[in-house]
Amino acid sequence: MKTSTIAEAKNNLSQLIHRLEFDEAIQLTRHGKPVAVMLSEASYQKLSHKDKSLSLYQSIQHWRNQLDVDSALTQTELNNLRASDSGRGFDWAE
């Protein structure tokens, strides 16, 4: 991923946008620390899959397919990732 400081991005915005058409993303930094990422419209559309009817399992599979991960997440793996406890205990009387 290419990087640019915010100051450089401000001064060269049109050039950076043109580069986004060919590069995957540009990371923006402030004082050497990453603070934002600029994406092309095509990359953004890939990431913002808008189908809300997908289950958690289907959403994770869709995300993994975008990353070209070879191994598939099985339903058993997904069930093991989910917390089995009922959450934190709380008592109003305390």
PDB file of N, CA and C in Angstrom:
ATOM      1  N   MET A   1       0.852  -1.168   0.000  1.00  0.00           N
ATOM      2  CA  MET A   1       0.000   0.000   0.000  1.00  0.00           C
ATOM      3  C   MET A   1       0.899   1.233   0.000  1.00  0.00           C
ATOM      4  N   LYS A   2       0.567   2.172  -0.823  1.00  0.00           N
ATOM      5  CA  LYS A   2       1.297   3.436  -0.882  1.00  0.00           C
ATOM      6  C   LYS A   2       0.933   4.273   0.341  1.00  0.00           C
ATOM      7  N   THR A   3       1.848   5.151   0.759  1.00  0.00           N
ATOM      8  CA  THR A   3       1.564   6.040   1.876  1.00  0.00           C
ATOM      9  C   THR A   3       1.814   7.482   1.463  1.00  0.00           C
ATOM     10  N   SER A   4       1.149   8.391   2.165  1.00  0.00           N
ATOM     11  CA  SER A   4       1.293   9.819   1.934  1.00  0.00           C
ATOM     12  C   SER A   4       0.963  10.535   3.231  1.00  0.00           C
ATOM     13  N   THR A   5       1.653  11.632   3.487  1.00  0.00           N
ATOM     14  CA  THR A   5       1.280  12.435   4.641  1.00  0.00           C
ATOM     15  C   THR A   5       0.022  13.223   4.288  1.00  0.00           C
ATOM     16  N   ILE A   6      -0.664  13.689   5.289  1.00  0.00           N
ATOM     17  CA  ILE A   6      -1.865  14.485   5.043  1.00  0.00           C
ATOM     18  C   ILE A   6      -1.501  15.759   4.294  1.00  0.00           C
ATOM     19  N   ALA A   7      -0.378  16.375   4.654  1.00  0.00           N
ATOM     20  CA  ALA A   7       0.059  17.599   3.969  1.00  0.00           C
ATOM     21  C   ALA A   7       0.330  17.337   2.492  1.00  0.00           C
ATOM     22  N   GLU A   8       1.007  16.223   2.191  1.00  0.00           N
ATOM     23  CA  GLU A   8       1.254  15.868   0.794  1.00  0.00           C
ATOM     24  C   GLU A   8      -0.060  15.609   0.062  1.00  0.00           C
ATOM     25  N   ALA A   9      -0.986  14.945   0.726  1.00  0.00           N
ATOM     26  CA  ALA A   9      -2.283  14.645   0.111  1.00  0.00           C
ATOM     27  C   ALA A   9      -3.043  15.936  -0.194  1.00  0.00           C
ATOM     28  N   LYS A  10      -2.972  16.879   0.715  1.00  0.00           N
ATOM     29  CA  LYS A  10      -3.644  18.160   0.509  1.00  0.00           C
ATOM     30  C   LYS A  10      -3.087  18.875  -0.724  1.00  0.00           C
ATOM     31  N   ASN A  11      -1.777  18.846  -0.866  1.00  0.00           N
ATOM     32  CA  ASN A  11      -1.135  19.539  -1.978  1.00  0.00           C
ATOM     33  C   ASN A  11      -1.212  18.786  -3.293  1.00  0.00           C
ATOM     34  N   ASN A  12      -1.433  17.486  -3.249  1.00  0.00           N
ATOM     35  CA  ASN A  12      -1.420  16.654  -4.460  1.00  0.00           C
ATOM     36  C   ASN A  12      -2.668  15.798  -4.591  1.00  0.00           C
ATOM     37  N   LEU A  13      -3.806  16.296  -4.150  1.00  0.00           N
ATOM     38  CA  LEU A  13      -5.021  15.482  -4.112  1.00  0.00           C
ATOM     39  C   LEU A  13      -5.385  14.915  -5.481  1.00  0.00           C
ATOM     40  N   SER A  14      -5.363  15.733  -6.521  1.00  0.00           N
ATOM     41  CA  SER A  14      -5.764  15.238  -7.839  1.00  0.00           C
ATOM     42  C   SER A  14      -4.824  14.134  -8.325  1.00  0.00           C
ATOM     43  N   GLN A  15      -3.526  14.245  -8.034  1.00  0.00           N
ATOM     44  CA  GLN A  15      -2.582  13.194  -8.422  1.00  0.00           C
ATOM     45  C   GLN A  15      -2.849  11.908  -7.644  1.00  0.00           C
ATOM     46  N   LEU A  16      -3.136  12.042  -6.360  1.00  0.00           N
ATOM     47  CA  LEU A  16      -3.421  10.851  -5.549  1.00  0.00           C
ATOM     48  C   LEU A  16      -4.687  10.151  -6.024  1.00  0.00           C
ATOM     49  N   ILE A  17      -5.697  10.920  -6.351  1.00  0.00           N
ATOM     50  CA  ILE A  17      -6.935  10.315  -6.846  1.00  0.00           C
ATOM     51  C   ILE A  17      -6.677   9.587  -8.157  1.00  0.00           C
ATOM     52  N   HIS A  18      -5.861  10.169  -9.002  1.00  0.00           N
ATOM     53  CA  HIS A  18      -5.516   9.504 -10.264  1.00  0.00           C
ATOM     54  C   HIS A  18      -4.771   8.191  -9.984  1.00  0.00           C
ATOM     55  N   ARG A  19      -3.867   8.198  -8.989  1.00  0.00           N
ATOM     56  CA  ARG A  19      -3.134   6.983  -8.629  1.00  0.00           C
ATOM     57  C   ARG A  19      -4.065   5.913  -8.078  1.00  0.00           C
ATOM     58  N   LEU A  20      -5.129   6.326  -7.400  1.00  0.00           N
ATOM     59  CA  LEU A  20      -6.067   5.352  -6.830  1.00  0.00           C
ATOM     60  C   LEU A  20      -6.734   4.508  -7.906  1.00  0.00           C
ATOM     61  N   GLU A  21      -6.843   5.043  -9.096  1.00  0.00           N
ATOM     62  CA  GLU A  21      -7.448   4.275 -10.184  1.00  0.00           C
ATOM     63  C   GLU A  21      -6.593   3.072 -10.561  1.00  0.00           C
ATOM     64  N   PHE A  22      -5.298   3.134 -10.245  1.00  0.00           N
ATOM     65  CA  PHE A  22      -4.384   2.054 -10.604  1.00  0.00           C
ATOM     66  C   PHE A  22      -3.848   1.289  -9.399  1.00  0.00           C
ATOM     67  N   ASP A  23      -3.775   1.940  -8.254  1.00  0.00           N
ATOM     68  CA  ASP A  23      -3.294   1.297  -7.033  1.00  0.00           C
ATOM     69  C   ASP A  23      -4.475   0.910  -6.166  1.00  0.00           C
ATOM     70  N   GLU A  24      -4.227  -0.013  -5.248  1.00  0.00           N
ATOM     71  CA  GLU A  24      -5.305  -0.511  -4.397  1.00  0.00           C
ATOM     72  C   GLU A  24      -5.766   0.526  -3.383  1.00  0.00           C
ATOM     73  N   ALA A  25      -4.847   1.167  -2.688  1.00  0.00           N
ATOM     74  CA  ALA A  25      -5.209   2.122  -1.649  1.00  0.00           C
ATOM     75  C   ALA A  25      -4.004   2.999  -1.330  1.00  0.00           C
ATOM     76  N   ILE A  26      -4.275   4.121  -0.683  1.00  0.00           N
ATOM     77  CA  ILE A  26      -3.213   5.011  -0.212  1.00  0.00           C
ATOM     78  C   ILE A  26      -3.477   5.286   1.261  1.00  0.00           C
ATOM     79  N   GLN A  27      -2.476   5.011   2.083  1.00  0.00           N
ATOM     80  CA  GLN A  27      -2.590   5.241   3.520  1.00  0.00           C
ATOM     81  C   GLN A  27      -2.124   6.659   3.830  1.00  0.00           C
ATOM     82  N   LEU A  28      -2.936   7.402   4.586  1.00  0.00           N
ATOM     83  CA  LEU A  28      -2.581   8.757   4.984  1.00  0.00           C
ATOM     84  C   LEU A  28      -2.025   8.727   6.392  1.00  0.00           C
ATOM     85  N   THR A  29      -0.925   9.463   6.601  1.00  0.00           N
ATOM     86  CA  THR A  29      -0.280   9.476   7.907  1.00  0.00           C
ATOM     87  C   THR A  29      -0.187  10.893   8.450  1.00  0.00           C
ATOM     88  N   ARG A  30      -0.173  10.987   9.775  1.00  0.00           N
ATOM     89  CA  ARG A  30       0.061  12.254  10.473  1.00  0.00           C
ATOM     90  C   ARG A  30       1.168  11.983  11.486  1.00  0.00           C
ATOM     91  N   HIS A  31       2.235  12.722  11.380  1.00  0.00           N
ATOM     92  CA  HIS A  31       3.398  12.546  12.253  1.00  0.00           C
ATOM     93  C   HIS A  31       3.887  11.094  12.231  1.00  0.00           C
ATOM     94  N   GLY A  32       3.836  10.479  11.053  1.00  0.00           N
ATOM     95  CA  GLY A  32       4.329   9.114  10.882  1.00  0.00           C
ATOM     96  C   GLY A  32       3.384   8.018  11.306  1.00  0.00           C
ATOM     97  N   LYS A  33       2.207   8.381  11.811  1.00  0.00           N
ATOM     98  CA  LYS A  33       1.247   7.367  12.261  1.00  0.00           C
ATOM     99  C   LYS A  33       0.071   7.305  11.290  1.00  0.00           C
ATOM    100  N   PRO A  34      -0.372   6.096  10.909  1.00  0.00           N
ATOM    101  CA  PRO A  34      -1.510   5.965   9.999  1.00  0.00           C
ATOM    102  C   PRO A  34      -2.794   6.505  10.633  1.00  0.00           C
ATOM    103  N   VAL A  35      -3.546   7.311   9.865  1.00  0.00           N
ATOM    104  CA  VAL A  35      -4.798   7.868  10.379  1.00  0.00           C
ATOM    105  C   VAL A  35      -5.986   7.617   9.454  1.00  0.00           C
ATOM    106  N   ALA A  36      -5.733   7.326   8.167  1.00  0.00           N
ATOM    107  CA  ALA A  36      -6.838   7.117   7.233  1.00  0.00           C
ATOM    108  C   ALA A  36      -6.323   6.371   6.009  1.00  0.00           C
ATOM    109  N   VAL A  37      -7.270   5.865   5.223  1.00  0.00           N
ATOM    110  CA  VAL A  37      -6.941   5.183   3.973  1.00  0.00           C
ATOM    111  C   VAL A  37      -7.853   5.720   2.884  1.00  0.00           C
ATOM    112  N   MET A  38      -7.269   6.035   1.747  1.00  0.00           N
ATOM    113  CA  MET A  38      -8.037   6.455   0.575  1.00  0.00           C
ATOM    114  C   MET A  38      -8.176   5.247  -0.350  1.00  0.00           C
ATOM    115  N   LEU A  39      -9.396   5.006  -0.834  1.00  0.00           N
ATOM    116  CA  LEU A  39      -9.676   3.882  -1.714  1.00  0.00           C
ATOM    117  C   LEU A  39     -10.286   4.371  -3.019  1.00  0.00           C
ATOM    118  N   SER A  40     -10.093   3.595  -4.072  1.00  0.00           N
ATOM    119  CA  SER A  40     -10.819   3.863  -5.310  1.00  0.00           C
ATOM    120  C   SER A  40     -12.283   3.471  -5.097  1.00  0.00           C
ATOM    121  N   GLU A  41     -13.141   3.957  -5.952  1.00  0.00           N
ATOM    122  CA  GLU A  41     -14.557   3.602  -5.857  1.00  0.00           C
ATOM    123  C   GLU A  41     -14.747   2.091  -6.010  1.00  0.00           C
ATOM    124  N   ALA A  42     -13.995   1.482  -6.919  1.00  0.00           N
ATOM    125  CA  ALA A  42     -14.112   0.034  -7.133  1.00  0.00           C
ATOM    126  C   ALA A  42     -13.721  -0.744  -5.879  1.00  0.00           C
ATOM    127  N   SER A  43     -12.630  -0.332  -5.228  1.00  0.00           N
ATOM    128  CA  SER A  43     -12.214  -1.006  -3.989  1.00  0.00           C
ATOM    129  C   SER A  43     -13.238  -0.813  -2.887  1.00  0.00           C
ATOM    130  N   TYR A  44     -13.785   0.387  -2.800  1.00  0.00           N
ATOM    131  CA  TYR A  44     -14.796   0.669  -1.784  1.00  0.00           C
ATOM    132  C   TYR A  44     -16.027  -0.201  -1.994  1.00  0.00           C
ATOM    133  N   GLN A  45     -16.468  -0.337  -3.232  1.00  0.00           N
ATOM    134  CA  GLN A  45     -17.654  -1.146  -3.518  1.00  0.00           C
ATOM    135  C   GLN A  45     -17.427  -2.608  -3.151  1.00  0.00           C
ATOM    136  N   LYS A  46     -16.207  -3.102  -3.366  1.00  0.00           N
ATOM    137  CA  LYS A  46     -15.899  -4.486  -2.974  1.00  0.00           C
ATOM    138  C   LYS A  46     -15.998  -4.664  -1.463  1.00  0.00           C
ATOM    139  N   LEU A  47     -15.546  -3.651  -0.715  1.00  0.00           N
ATOM    140  CA  LEU A  47     -15.544  -3.746   0.740  1.00  0.00           C
ATOM    141  C   LEU A  47     -16.904  -3.493   1.370  1.00  0.00           C
ATOM    142  N   SER A  48     -17.718  -2.715   0.717  1.00  0.00           N
ATOM    143  CA  SER A  48     -18.997  -2.335   1.321  1.00  0.00           C
ATOM    144  C   SER A  48     -20.132  -3.155   0.742  1.00  0.00           C
ATOM    145  N   HIS A  49     -19.996  -4.449   0.840  1.00  0.00           N
ATOM    146  CA  HIS A  49     -21.049  -5.350   0.375  1.00  0.00           C
ATOM    147  C   HIS A  49     -22.340  -5.010   1.115  1.00  0.00           C
ATOM    148  N   LYS A  50     -23.327  -4.572   0.408  1.00  0.00           N
ATOM    149  CA  LYS A  50     -24.503  -3.983   1.033  1.00  0.00           C
ATOM    150  C   LYS A  50     -25.667  -4.959   1.237  1.00  0.00           C
ATOM    151  N   ASP A  51     -25.456  -6.241   1.016  1.00  0.00           N
ATOM    152  CA  ASP A  51     -26.539  -7.206   1.172  1.00  0.00           C
ATOM    153  C   ASP A  51     -26.707  -7.529   2.655  1.00  0.00           C
ATOM    154  N   LYS A  52     -27.674  -6.895   3.308  1.00  0.00           N
ATOM    155  CA  LYS A  52     -27.892  -7.066   4.752  1.00  0.00           C
ATOM    156  C   LYS A  52     -28.567  -8.393   5.088  1.00  0.00           C
ATOM    157  N   SER A  53     -29.017  -9.126   4.071  1.00  0.00           N
ATOM    158  CA  SER A  53     -29.730 -10.374   4.341  1.00  0.00           C
ATOM    159  C   SER A  53     -28.774 -11.541   4.584  1.00  0.00           C
ATOM    160  N   LEU A  54     -27.465 -11.309   4.446  1.00  0.00           N
ATOM    161  CA  LEU A  54     -26.510 -12.390   4.678  1.00  0.00           C
ATOM    162  C   LEU A  54     -26.416 -12.707   6.161  1.00  0.00           C
ATOM    163  N   SER A  55     -26.250 -13.975   6.459  1.00  0.00           N
ATOM    164  CA  SER A  55     -26.025 -14.383   7.845  1.00  0.00           C
ATOM    165  C   SER A  55     -24.588 -14.038   8.225  1.00  0.00           C
ATOM    166  N   LEU A  56     -24.271 -14.156   9.491  1.00  0.00           N
ATOM    167  CA  LEU A  56     -22.906 -13.912   9.940  1.00  0.00           C
ATOM    168  C   LEU A  56     -21.941 -14.840   9.210  1.00  0.00           C
ATOM    169  N   TYR A  57     -22.303 -16.090   9.104  1.00  0.00           N
ATOM    170  CA  TYR A  57     -21.465 -17.070   8.414  1.00  0.00           C
ATOM    171  C   TYR A  57     -21.229 -16.661   6.962  1.00  0.00           C
ATOM    172  N   GLN A  58     -22.293 -16.268   6.247  1.00  0.00           N
ATOM    173  CA  GLN A  58     -22.162 -15.861   4.852  1.00  0.00           C
ATOM    174  C   GLN A  58     -21.331 -14.588   4.715  1.00  0.00           C
ATOM    175  N   SER A  59     -21.488 -13.669   5.644  1.00  0.00           N
ATOM    176  CA  SER A  59     -20.715 -12.425   5.605  1.00  0.00           C
ATOM    177  C   SER A  59     -19.231 -12.695   5.791  1.00  0.00           C
ATOM    178  N   ILE A  60     -18.901 -13.583   6.728  1.00  0.00           N
ATOM    179  CA  ILE A  60     -17.500 -13.932   6.950  1.00  0.00           C
ATOM    180  C   ILE A  60     -16.941 -14.644   5.724  1.00  0.00           C
ATOM    181  N   GLN A  61     -17.712 -15.546   5.137  1.00  0.00           N
ATOM    182  CA  GLN A  61     -17.265 -16.237   3.930  1.00  0.00           C
ATOM    183  C   GLN A  61     -17.023 -15.239   2.800  1.00  0.00           C
ATOM    184  N   HIS A  62     -17.923 -14.270   2.635  1.00  0.00           N
ATOM    185  CA  HIS A  62     -17.771 -13.250   1.604  1.00  0.00           C
ATOM    186  C   HIS A  62     -16.488 -12.457   1.833  1.00  0.00           C
ATOM    187  N   TRP A  63     -16.234 -12.066   3.070  1.00  0.00           N
ATOM    188  CA  TRP A  63     -15.026 -11.319   3.422  1.00  0.00           C
ATOM    189  C   TRP A  63     -13.777 -12.146   3.136  1.00  0.00           C
ATOM    190  N   ARG A  64     -13.800 -13.416   3.513  1.00  0.00           N
ATOM    191  CA  ARG A  64     -12.636 -14.277   3.286  1.00  0.00           C
ATOM    192  C   ARG A  64     -12.394 -14.492   1.800  1.00  0.00           C
ATOM    193  N   ASN A  65     -13.458 -14.586   1.006  1.00  0.00           N
ATOM    194  CA  ASN A  65     -13.300 -14.752  -0.435  1.00  0.00           C
ATOM    195  C   ASN A  65     -12.624 -13.544  -1.054  1.00  0.00           C
ATOM    196  N   GLN A  66     -12.932 -12.361  -0.530  1.00  0.00           N
ATOM    197  CA  GLN A  66     -12.284 -11.149  -1.037  1.00  0.00           C
ATOM    198  C   GLN A  66     -10.795 -11.157  -0.723  1.00  0.00           C
ATOM    199  N   LEU A  67     -10.404 -11.795   0.364  1.00  0.00           N
ATOM    200  CA  LEU A  67      -8.995 -11.849   0.761  1.00  0.00           C
ATOM    201  C   LEU A  67      -8.251 -12.997   0.088  1.00  0.00           C
ATOM    202  N   ASP A  68      -8.939 -13.802  -0.693  1.00  0.00           N
ATOM    203  CA  ASP A  68      -8.352 -14.971  -1.348  1.00  0.00           C
ATOM    204  C   ASP A  68      -7.762 -15.948  -0.344  1.00  0.00           C
ATOM    205  N   VAL A  69      -8.476 -16.169   0.752  1.00  0.00           N
ATOM    206  CA  VAL A  69      -8.050 -17.135   1.759  1.00  0.00           C
ATOM    207  C   VAL A  69      -8.435 -18.520   1.262  1.00  0.00           C
ATOM    208  N   ASP A  70      -7.470 -19.439   1.299  1.00  0.00           N
ATOM    209  CA  ASP A  70      -7.716 -20.776   0.758  1.00  0.00           C
ATOM    210  C   ASP A  70      -8.659 -21.597   1.623  1.00  0.00           C
ATOM    211  N   SER A  71      -8.502 -21.540   2.922  1.00  0.00           N
ATOM    212  CA  SER A  71      -9.304 -22.389   3.788  1.00  0.00           C
ATOM    213  C   SER A  71     -10.652 -21.734   4.081  1.00  0.00           C
ATOM    214  N   ALA A  72     -11.676 -22.527   4.068  1.00  0.00           N
ATOM    215  CA  ALA A  72     -13.028 -22.030   4.325  1.00  0.00           C
ATOM    216  C   ALA A  72     -13.347 -22.141   5.809  1.00  0.00           C
ATOM    217  N   LEU A  73     -14.124 -21.209   6.289  1.00  0.00           N
ATOM    218  CA  LEU A  73     -14.585 -21.243   7.670  1.00  0.00           C
ATOM    219  C   LEU A  73     -15.805 -22.158   7.734  1.00  0.00           C
ATOM    220  N   THR A  74     -15.706 -23.182   8.539  1.00  0.00           N
ATOM    221  CA  THR A  74     -16.816 -24.127   8.644  1.00  0.00           C
ATOM    222  C   THR A  74     -17.807 -23.635   9.694  1.00  0.00           C
ATOM    223  N   GLN A  75     -19.002 -24.179   9.667  1.00  0.00           N
ATOM    224  CA  GLN A  75     -20.006 -23.822  10.652  1.00  0.00           C
ATOM    225  C   GLN A  75     -19.527 -24.184  12.057  1.00  0.00           C
ATOM    226  N   THR A  76     -18.799 -25.281  12.199  1.00  0.00           N
ATOM    227  CA  THR A  76     -18.253 -25.683  13.498  1.00  0.00           C
ATOM    228  C   THR A  76     -17.260 -24.651  14.011  1.00  0.00           C
ATOM    229  N   GLU A  77     -16.367 -24.168  13.124  1.00  0.00           N
ATOM    230  CA  GLU A  77     -15.419 -23.122  13.524  1.00  0.00           C
ATOM    231  C   GLU A  77     -16.150 -21.870  13.979  1.00  0.00           C
ATOM    232  N   LEU A  78     -17.179 -21.487  13.245  1.00  0.00           N
ATOM    233  CA  LEU A  78     -17.956 -20.307  13.599  1.00  0.00           C
ATOM    234  C   LEU A  78     -18.624 -20.494  14.954  1.00  0.00           C
ATOM    235  N   ASN A  79     -19.204 -21.648  15.193  1.00  0.00           N
ATOM    236  CA  ASN A  79     -19.847 -21.910  16.479  1.00  0.00           C
ATOM    237  C   ASN A  79     -18.839 -21.859  17.623  1.00  0.00           C
ATOM    238  N   ASN A  80     -17.608 -22.323  17.384  1.00  0.00           N
ATOM    239  CA  ASN A  80     -16.575 -22.287  18.413  1.00  0.00           C
ATOM    240  C   ASN A  80     -16.126 -20.859  18.709  1.00  0.00           C
ATOM    241  N   LEU A  81     -16.244 -19.973  17.751  1.00  0.00           N
ATOM    242  CA  LEU A  81     -15.846 -18.576  17.950  1.00  0.00           C
ATOM    243  C   LEU A  81     -16.869 -17.806  18.779  1.00  0.00           C
ATOM    244  N   ARG A  82     -18.104 -18.220  18.723  1.00  0.00           N
ATOM    245  CA  ARG A  82     -19.158 -17.533  19.453  1.00  0.00           C
ATOM    246  C   ARG A  82     -19.028 -17.813  20.946  1.00  0.00           C
ATOM    247  N   ALA A  83     -19.271 -16.800  21.736  1.00  0.00           N
ATOM    248  CA  ALA A  83     -19.209 -16.966  23.182  1.00  0.00           C
ATOM    249  C   ALA A  83     -20.361 -17.843  23.639  1.00  0.00           C
ATOM    250  N   SER A  84     -20.064 -18.785  24.515  1.00  0.00           N
ATOM    251  CA  SER A  84     -21.110 -19.684  24.993  1.00  0.00           C
ATOM    252  C   SER A  84     -21.675 -19.235  26.334  1.00  0.00           C
ATOM    253  N   ASP A  85     -21.041 -18.252  26.980  1.00  0.00           N
ATOM    254  CA  ASP A  85     -21.545 -17.802  28.275  1.00  0.00           C
ATOM    255  C   ASP A  85     -22.710 -16.827  28.082  1.00  0.00           C
ATOM    256  N   SER A  86     -23.404 -16.554  29.134  1.00  0.00           N
ATOM    257  CA  SER A  86     -24.575 -15.679  29.044  1.00  0.00           C
ATOM    258  C   SER A  86     -24.208 -14.216  29.265  1.00  0.00           C
ATOM    259  N   GLY A  87     -22.933 -13.922  29.393  1.00  0.00           N
ATOM    260  CA  GLY A  87     -22.509 -12.542  29.598  1.00  0.00           C
ATOM    261  C   GLY A  87     -22.177 -12.274  31.043  1.00  0.00           C
ATOM    262  N   ARG A  88     -21.923 -11.025  31.345  1.00  0.00           N
ATOM    263  CA  ARG A  88     -21.581 -10.639  32.713  1.00  0.00           C
ATOM    264  C   ARG A  88     -22.797 -10.657  33.604  1.00  0.00           C
ATOM    265  N   GLY A  89     -22.574 -11.089  34.821  1.00  0.00           N
ATOM    266  CA  GLY A  89     -23.652 -11.048  35.800  1.00  0.00           C
ATOM    267  C   GLY A  89     -23.816  -9.643  36.332  1.00  0.00           C
ATOM    268  N   PHE A  90     -25.047  -9.244  36.619  1.00  0.00           N
ATOM    269  CA  PHE A  90     -25.311  -7.911  37.141  1.00  0.00           C
ATOM    270  C   PHE A  90     -26.473  -7.993  38.118  1.00  0.00           C
ATOM    271  N   ASP A  91     -26.327  -7.299  39.228  1.00  0.00           N
ATOM    272  CA  ASP A  91     -27.382  -7.302  40.238  1.00  0.00           C
ATOM    273  C   ASP A  91     -27.642  -5.854  40.652  1.00  0.00           C
ATOM    274  N   TRP A  92     -28.893  -5.386  40.480  1.00  0.00           N
ATOM    275  CA  TRP A  92     -29.252  -4.017  40.824  1.00  0.00           C
ATOM    276  C   TRP A  92     -29.175  -3.757  42.335  1.00  0.00           C
ATOM    277  N   ALA A  93     -29.230  -4.846  43.119  1.00  0.00           N
ATOM    278  CA  ALA A  93     -29.251  -4.682  44.580  1.00  0.00           C
ATOM    279  C   ALA A  93     -27.882  -4.283  45.153  1.00  0.00           C
ATOM    280  N   GLU A  94     -26.835  -4.517  44.422  1.00  0.00           N
ATOM    281  CA  GLU A  94     -25.490  -4.226  44.962  1.00  0.00           C
ATOM    282  C   GLU A  94     -25.187  -2.767  44.984  1.00  0.00           C
TER     283      GLU A  94
END
